[in-house]
Amino acid sequence: MALRRLYDCLRILAGRDIPPGRRYDAGGQLRLTVRILDWNGYVRLAFDEIRLAGQAGRRLAGSDGDLLTR
C-alpha cells in the first residue's frame, strides 16, 4: 500500500514545476537560498528508504533464524 501511495504522490509531483531554491524580496534582492531536490532526488527519496527497509528485513529474518537454532 505504501508503494502505491508513493507512486501516486510522484505522479502528482511529475506534473508540477519544481520551484528554484531562491527567494527574493519585493525589491528583487536575494534574501534566501535553500537546497531543493530535483526530480531524480524526489524519486530517490521516495524509494531508497523502502529499498533499505527491505534489506534490513532480509537481514533480520536471517538473524532471527540463526538465533533460534542456538
PDB file of N, CA and C in Angstrom:
ATOM      1  N   MET A   1       0.823  -1.181   0.000  1.00  0.00           N
ATOM      2  CA  MET A   1       0.000   0.000   0.000  1.00  0.00           C
ATOM      3  C   MET A   1       0.882   1.265   0.000  1.00  0.00           C
ATOM      4  N   ALA A   2       1.980   1.211   0.741  1.00  0.00           N
ATOM      5  CA  ALA A   2       2.874   2.367   0.807  1.00  0.00           C
ATOM      6  C   ALA A   2       3.503   2.650  -0.554  1.00  0.00           C
ATOM      7  N   LEU A   3       3.887   1.604  -1.269  1.00  0.00           N
ATOM      8  CA  LEU A   3       4.477   1.795  -2.592  1.00  0.00           C
ATOM      9  C   LEU A   3       3.485   2.435  -3.550  1.00  0.00           C
ATOM     10  N   ARG A   4       2.246   2.014  -3.469  1.00  0.00           N
ATOM     11  CA  ARG A   4       1.212   2.595  -4.329  1.00  0.00           C
ATOM     12  C   ARG A   4       1.033   4.083  -4.022  1.00  0.00           C
ATOM     13  N   ARG A   5       1.045   4.436  -2.750  1.00  0.00           N
ATOM     14  CA  ARG A   5       0.889   5.845  -2.359  1.00  0.00           C
ATOM     15  C   ARG A   5       2.086   6.682  -2.815  1.00  0.00           C
ATOM     16  N   LEU A   6       3.286   6.134  -2.685  1.00  0.00           N
ATOM     17  CA  LEU A   6       4.463   6.846  -3.175  1.00  0.00           C
ATOM     18  C   LEU A   6       4.367   7.083  -4.673  1.00  0.00           C
ATOM     19  N   TYR A   7       3.941   6.071  -5.396  1.00  0.00           N
ATOM     20  CA  TYR A   7       3.773   6.204  -6.849  1.00  0.00           C
ATOM     21  C   TYR A   7       2.755   7.295  -7.164  1.00  0.00           C
ATOM     22  N   ASP A   8       1.631   7.300  -6.464  1.00  0.00           N
ATOM     23  CA  ASP A   8       0.607   8.327  -6.686  1.00  0.00           C
ATOM     24  C   ASP A   8       1.147   9.729  -6.408  1.00  0.00           C
ATOM     25  N   CYS A   9       1.907   9.877  -5.336  1.00  0.00           N
ATOM     26  CA  CYS A   9       2.481  11.183  -4.997  1.00  0.00           C
ATOM     27  C   CYS A   9       3.472  11.641  -6.059  1.00  0.00           C
ATOM     28  N   LEU A  10       4.281  10.733  -6.555  1.00  0.00           N
ATOM     29  CA  LEU A  10       5.243  11.098  -7.594  1.00  0.00           C
ATOM     30  C   LEU A  10       4.536  11.479  -8.899  1.00  0.00           C
ATOM     31  N   ARG A  11       3.431  10.813  -9.205  1.00  0.00           N
ATOM     32  CA  ARG A  11       2.670  11.181 -10.402  1.00  0.00           C
ATOM     33  C   ARG A  11       2.124  12.597 -10.297  1.00  0.00           C
ATOM     34  N   ILE A  12       1.674  12.973  -9.111  1.00  0.00           N
ATOM     35  CA  ILE A  12       1.186  14.337  -8.892  1.00  0.00           C
ATOM     36  C   ILE A  12       2.336  15.330  -9.032  1.00  0.00           C
ATOM     37  N   LEU A  13       3.462  15.004  -8.422  1.00  0.00           N
ATOM     38  CA  LEU A  13       4.627  15.880  -8.463  1.00  0.00           C
ATOM     39  C   LEU A  13       5.181  16.016  -9.883  1.00  0.00           C
ATOM     40  N   ALA A  14       5.086  14.970 -10.670  1.00  0.00           N
ATOM     41  CA  ALA A  14       5.639  14.979 -12.034  1.00  0.00           C
ATOM     42  C   ALA A  14       5.000  16.058 -12.900  1.00  0.00           C
ATOM     43  N   GLY A  15       3.764  16.402 -12.621  1.00  0.00           N
ATOM     44  CA  GLY A  15       3.069  17.408 -13.413  1.00  0.00           C
ATOM     45  C   GLY A  15       3.293  18.835 -12.951  1.00  0.00           C
ATOM     46  N   ARG A  16       4.113  19.023 -11.956  1.00  0.00           N
ATOM     47  CA  ARG A  16       4.333  20.361 -11.393  1.00  0.00           C
ATOM     48  C   ARG A  16       5.747  20.848 -11.669  1.00  0.00           C
ATOM     49  N   ASP A  17       5.885  22.163 -11.725  1.00  0.00           N
ATOM     50  CA  ASP A  17       7.207  22.763 -11.816  1.00  0.00           C
ATOM     51  C   ASP A  17       7.825  22.787 -10.428  1.00  0.00           C
ATOM     52  N   ILE A  18       9.067  22.385 -10.339  1.00  0.00           N
ATOM     53  CA  ILE A  18       9.774  22.441  -9.066  1.00  0.00           C
ATOM     54  C   ILE A  18      10.390  23.838  -8.966  1.00  0.00           C
ATOM     55  N   PRO A  19       9.971  24.615  -7.972  1.00  0.00           N
ATOM     56  CA  PRO A  19      10.453  25.997  -7.883  1.00  0.00           C
ATOM     57  C   PRO A  19      11.940  26.052  -7.534  1.00  0.00           C
ATOM     58  N   PRO A  20      12.596  27.110  -7.961  1.00  0.00           N
ATOM     59  CA  PRO A  20      14.011  27.259  -7.605  1.00  0.00           C
ATOM     60  C   PRO A  20      14.150  27.513  -6.103  1.00  0.00           C
ATOM     61  N   GLY A  21      15.310  27.281  -5.586  1.00  0.00           N
ATOM     62  CA  GLY A  21      15.555  27.443  -4.160  1.00  0.00           C
ATOM     63  C   GLY A  21      15.986  28.841  -3.764  1.00  0.00           C
ATOM     64  N   ARG A  22      15.589  29.835  -4.535  1.00  0.00           N
ATOM     65  CA  ARG A  22      15.970  31.216  -4.229  1.00  0.00           C
ATOM     66  C   ARG A  22      14.719  32.055  -3.956  1.00  0.00           C
ATOM     67  N   ARG A  23      14.782  32.869  -2.927  1.00  0.00           N
ATOM     68  CA  ARG A  23      13.671  33.755  -2.579  1.00  0.00           C
ATOM     69  C   ARG A  23      14.175  35.191  -2.583  1.00  0.00           C
ATOM     70  N   TYR A  24      13.384  36.064  -3.186  1.00  0.00           N
ATOM     71  CA  TYR A  24      13.750  37.472  -3.326  1.00  0.00           C
ATOM     72  C   TYR A  24      12.725  38.342  -2.601  1.00  0.00           C
ATOM     73  N   ASP A  25      13.164  39.507  -2.144  1.00  0.00           N
ATOM     74  CA  ASP A  25      12.230  40.444  -1.536  1.00  0.00           C
ATOM     75  C   ASP A  25      11.548  41.262  -2.633  1.00  0.00           C
ATOM     76  N   ALA A  26      10.678  42.186  -2.228  1.00  0.00           N
ATOM     77  CA  ALA A  26       9.912  42.992  -3.190  1.00  0.00           C
ATOM     78  C   ALA A  26      10.806  43.833  -4.101  1.00  0.00           C
ATOM     79  N   GLY A  27      12.003  44.178  -3.640  1.00  0.00           N
ATOM     80  CA  GLY A  27      12.929  44.973  -4.436  1.00  0.00           C
ATOM     81  C   GLY A  27      13.826  44.137  -5.345  1.00  0.00           C
ATOM     82  N   GLY A  28      13.646  42.826  -5.339  1.00  0.00           N
ATOM     83  CA  GLY A  28      14.447  41.956  -6.183  1.00  0.00           C
ATOM     84  C   GLY A  28      15.761  41.500  -5.566  1.00  0.00           C
ATOM     85  N   GLN A  29      15.981  41.826  -4.286  1.00  0.00           N
ATOM     86  CA  GLN A  29      17.203  41.425  -3.590  1.00  0.00           C
ATOM     87  C   GLN A  29      17.081  39.969  -3.131  1.00  0.00           C
ATOM     88  N   LEU A  30      18.091  39.162  -3.437  1.00  0.00           N
ATOM     89  CA  LEU A  30      18.111  37.770  -2.984  1.00  0.00           C
ATOM     90  C   LEU A  30      18.191  37.747  -1.464  1.00  0.00           C
ATOM     91  N   ARG A  31      17.261  37.072  -0.824  1.00  0.00           N
ATOM     92  CA  ARG A  31      17.205  37.028   0.639  1.00  0.00           C
ATOM     93  C   ARG A  31      17.439  35.639   1.214  1.00  0.00           C
ATOM     94  N   LEU A  32      17.156  34.607   0.438  1.00  0.00           N
ATOM     95  CA  LEU A  32      17.253  33.253   0.980  1.00  0.00           C
ATOM     96  C   LEU A  32      17.569  32.282  -0.143  1.00  0.00           C
ATOM     97  N   THR A  33      18.498  31.392   0.123  1.00  0.00           N
ATOM     98  CA  THR A  33      18.795  30.295  -0.789  1.00  0.00           C
ATOM     99  C   THR A  33      18.664  28.996   0.000  1.00  0.00           C
ATOM    100  N   VAL A  34      17.852  28.101  -0.494  1.00  0.00           N
ATOM    101  CA  VAL A  34      17.659  26.810   0.164  1.00  0.00           C
ATOM    102  C   VAL A  34      17.964  25.691  -0.818  1.00  0.00           C
ATOM    103  N   ARG A  35      18.428  24.584  -0.293  1.00  0.00           N
ATOM    104  CA  ARG A  35      18.678  23.417  -1.127  1.00  0.00           C
ATOM    105  C   ARG A  35      17.346  22.781  -1.492  1.00  0.00           C
ATOM    106  N   ILE A  36      17.204  22.418  -2.724  1.00  0.00           N
ATOM    107  CA  ILE A  36      15.976  21.753  -3.174  1.00  0.00           C
ATOM    108  C   ILE A  36      16.350  20.469  -3.892  1.00  0.00           C
ATOM    109  N   LEU A  37      15.390  19.593  -4.008  1.00  0.00           N
ATOM    110  CA  LEU A  37      15.579  18.355  -4.754  1.00  0.00           C
ATOM    111  C   LEU A  37      15.147  18.555  -6.193  1.00  0.00           C
ATOM    112  N   ASP A  38      15.863  17.924  -7.104  1.00  0.00           N
ATOM    113  CA  ASP A  38      15.390  17.867  -8.482  1.00  0.00           C
ATOM    114  C   ASP A  38      14.514  16.612  -8.608  1.00  0.00           C
ATOM    115  N   TRP A  39      14.026  16.339  -9.807  1.00  0.00           N
ATOM    116  CA  TRP A  39      13.125  15.192  -9.996  1.00  0.00           C
ATOM    117  C   TRP A  39      13.786  13.892  -9.542  1.00  0.00           C
ATOM    118  N   ASN A  40      15.032  13.658  -9.944  1.00  0.00           N
ATOM    119  CA  ASN A  40      15.727  12.426  -9.547  1.00  0.00           C
ATOM    120  C   ASN A  40      15.864  12.337  -8.027  1.00  0.00           C
ATOM    121  N   GLY A  41      16.063  13.457  -7.385  1.00  0.00           N
ATOM    122  CA  GLY A  41      16.160  13.471  -5.928  1.00  0.00           C
ATOM    123  C   GLY A  41      14.867  13.029  -5.263  1.00  0.00           C
ATOM    124  N   TYR A  42      13.729  13.476  -5.795  1.00  0.00           N
ATOM    125  CA  TYR A  42      12.443  13.051  -5.236  1.00  0.00           C
ATOM    126  C   TYR A  42      12.214  11.561  -5.431  1.00  0.00           C
ATOM    127  N   VAL A  43      12.586  11.051  -6.593  1.00  0.00           N
ATOM    128  CA  VAL A  43      12.408   9.617  -6.849  1.00  0.00           C
ATOM    129  C   VAL A  43      13.298   8.807  -5.904  1.00  0.00           C
ATOM    130  N   ARG A  44      14.555   9.219  -5.745  1.00  0.00           N
ATOM    131  CA  ARG A  44      15.442   8.526  -4.798  1.00  0.00           C
ATOM    132  C   ARG A  44      14.895   8.596  -3.378  1.00  0.00           C
ATOM    133  N   LEU A  45      14.445   9.763  -2.974  1.00  0.00           N
ATOM    134  CA  LEU A  45      13.893   9.932  -1.633  1.00  0.00           C
ATOM    135  C   LEU A  45      12.714   8.987  -1.404  1.00  0.00           C
ATOM    136  N   ALA A  46      11.876   8.862  -2.404  1.00  0.00           N
ATOM    137  CA  ALA A  46      10.681   8.022  -2.268  1.00  0.00           C
ATOM    138  C   ALA A  46      11.025   6.543  -2.110  1.00  0.00           C
ATOM    139  N   PHE A  47      12.020   6.067  -2.838  1.00  0.00           N
ATOM    140  CA  PHE A  47      12.233   4.626  -2.890  1.00  0.00           C
ATOM    141  C   PHE A  47      13.466   4.116  -2.169  1.00  0.00           C
ATOM    142  N   ASP A  48      14.426   4.952  -1.856  1.00  0.00           N
ATOM    143  CA  ASP A  48      15.618   4.472  -1.152  1.00  0.00           C
ATOM    144  C   ASP A  48      15.287   3.915   0.225  1.00  0.00           C
ATOM    145  N   GLU A  49      14.419   4.586   0.956  1.00  0.00           N
ATOM    146  CA  GLU A  49      14.060   4.095   2.292  1.00  0.00           C
ATOM    147  C   GLU A  49      13.361   2.741   2.216  1.00  0.00           C
ATOM    148  N   ILE A  50      12.512   2.560   1.211  1.00  0.00           N
ATOM    149  CA  ILE A  50      11.831   1.274   1.027  1.00  0.00           C
ATOM    150  C   ILE A  50      12.860   0.188   0.724  1.00  0.00           C
ATOM    151  N   ARG A  51      13.803   0.509  -0.163  1.00  0.00           N
ATOM    152  CA  ARG A  51      14.845  -0.457  -0.522  1.00  0.00           C
ATOM    153  C   ARG A  51      15.683  -0.822   0.700  1.00  0.00           C
ATOM    154  N   LEU A  52      16.069   0.181   1.485  1.00  0.00           N
ATOM    155  CA  LEU A  52      16.878  -0.071   2.683  1.00  0.00           C
ATOM    156  C   LEU A  52      16.097  -0.877   3.721  1.00  0.00           C
ATOM    157  N   ALA A  53      14.814  -0.585   3.852  1.00  0.00           N
ATOM    158  CA  ALA A  53      13.988  -1.340   4.795  1.00  0.00           C
ATOM    159  C   ALA A  53      13.879  -2.800   4.362  1.00  0.00           C
ATOM    160  N   GLY A  54      13.802  -3.031   3.066  1.00  0.00           N
ATOM    161  CA  GLY A  54      13.750  -4.402   2.560  1.00  0.00           C
ATOM    162  C   GLY A  54      15.023  -5.157   2.868  1.00  0.00           C
ATOM    163  N   GLN A  55      16.167  -4.497   2.728  1.00  0.00           N
ATOM    164  CA  GLN A  55      17.435  -5.139   3.053  1.00  0.00           C
ATOM    165  C   GLN A  55      17.509  -5.441   4.542  1.00  0.00           C
ATOM    166  N   ALA A  56      17.037  -4.511   5.362  1.00  0.00           N
ATOM    167  CA  ALA A  56      17.056  -4.732   6.804  1.00  0.00           C
ATOM    168  C   ALA A  56      16.138  -5.891   7.179  1.00  0.00           C
ATOM    169  N   GLY A  57      14.994  -5.965   6.501  1.00  0.00           N
ATOM    170  CA  GLY A  57      14.065  -7.063   6.770  1.00  0.00           C
ATOM    171  C   GLY A  57      14.669  -8.417   6.458  1.00  0.00           C
ATOM    172  N   ARG A  58      15.398  -8.505   5.338  1.00  0.00           N
ATOM    173  CA  ARG A  58      16.042  -9.770   4.978  1.00  0.00           C
ATOM    174  C   ARG A  58      17.116 -10.131   6.000  1.00  0.00           C
ATOM    175  N   ARG A  59      17.886  -9.140   6.433  1.00  0.00           N
ATOM    176  CA  ARG A  59      18.926  -9.404   7.436  1.00  0.00           C
ATOM    177  C   ARG A  59      18.306  -9.857   8.757  1.00  0.00           C
ATOM    178  N   LEU A  60      17.226  -9.179   9.134  1.00  0.00           N
ATOM    179  CA  LEU A  60      16.549  -9.544  10.380  1.00  0.00           C
ATOM    180  C   LEU A  60      16.000 -10.957  10.307  1.00  0.00           C
ATOM    181  N   ALA A  61      15.392 -11.302   9.207  1.00  0.00           N
ATOM    182  CA  ALA A  61      14.849 -12.644   9.041  1.00  0.00           C
ATOM    183  C   ALA A  61      15.965 -13.677   9.113  1.00  0.00           C
ATOM    184  N   GLY A  62      17.106 -13.385   8.510  1.00  0.00           N
ATOM    185  CA  GLY A  62      18.237 -14.327   8.559  1.00  0.00           C
ATOM    186  C   GLY A  62      18.799 -14.478   9.952  1.00  0.00           C
ATOM    187  N   SER A  63      18.929 -13.382  10.671  1.00  0.00           N
ATOM    188  CA  SER A  63      19.493 -13.463  12.009  1.00  0.00           C
ATOM    189  C   SER A  63      18.509 -14.097  12.986  1.00  0.00           C
ATOM    190  N   ASP A  64      17.222 -13.895  12.753  1.00  0.00           N
ATOM    191  CA  ASP A  64      16.203 -14.488  13.596  1.00  0.00           C
ATOM    192  C   ASP A  64      16.286 -16.004  13.536  1.00  0.00           C
ATOM    193  N   GLY A  65      16.396 -16.535  12.329  1.00  0.00           N
ATOM    194  CA  GLY A  65      16.517 -17.980  12.169  1.00  0.00           C
ATOM    195  C   GLY A  65      17.787 -18.507  12.789  1.00  0.00           C
ATOM    196  N   ASP A  66      18.872 -17.767  12.659  1.00  0.00           N
ATOM    197  CA  ASP A  66      20.146 -18.175  13.234  1.00  0.00           C
ATOM    198  C   ASP A  66      20.061 -18.218  14.748  1.00  0.00           C
ATOM    199  N   LEU A  67      19.428 -17.233  15.346  1.00  0.00           N
ATOM    200  CA  LEU A  67      19.324 -17.201  16.812  1.00  0.00           C
ATOM    201  C   LEU A  67      18.442 -18.313  17.342  1.00  0.00           C
ATOM    202  N   LEU A  68      17.432 -18.705  16.601  1.00  0.00           N
ATOM    203  CA  LEU A  68      16.538 -19.769  17.060  1.00  0.00           C
ATOM    204  C   LEU A  68      17.207 -21.122  17.049  1.00  0.00           C
ATOM    205  N   THR A  69      18.257 -21.290  16.265  1.00  0.00           N
ATOM    206  CA  THR A  69      18.933 -22.599  16.196  1.00  0.00           C
ATOM    207  C   THR A  69      19.982 -22.764  17.271  1.00  0.00           C
ATOM    208  N   ARG A  70      20.247 -21.776  18.052  1.00  0.00           N
ATOM    209  CA  ARG A  70      21.287 -21.861  19.098  1.00  0.00           C
ATOM    210  C   ARG A  70      20.719 -22.257  20.419  1.00  0.00           C
TER     211      ARG A  70
END
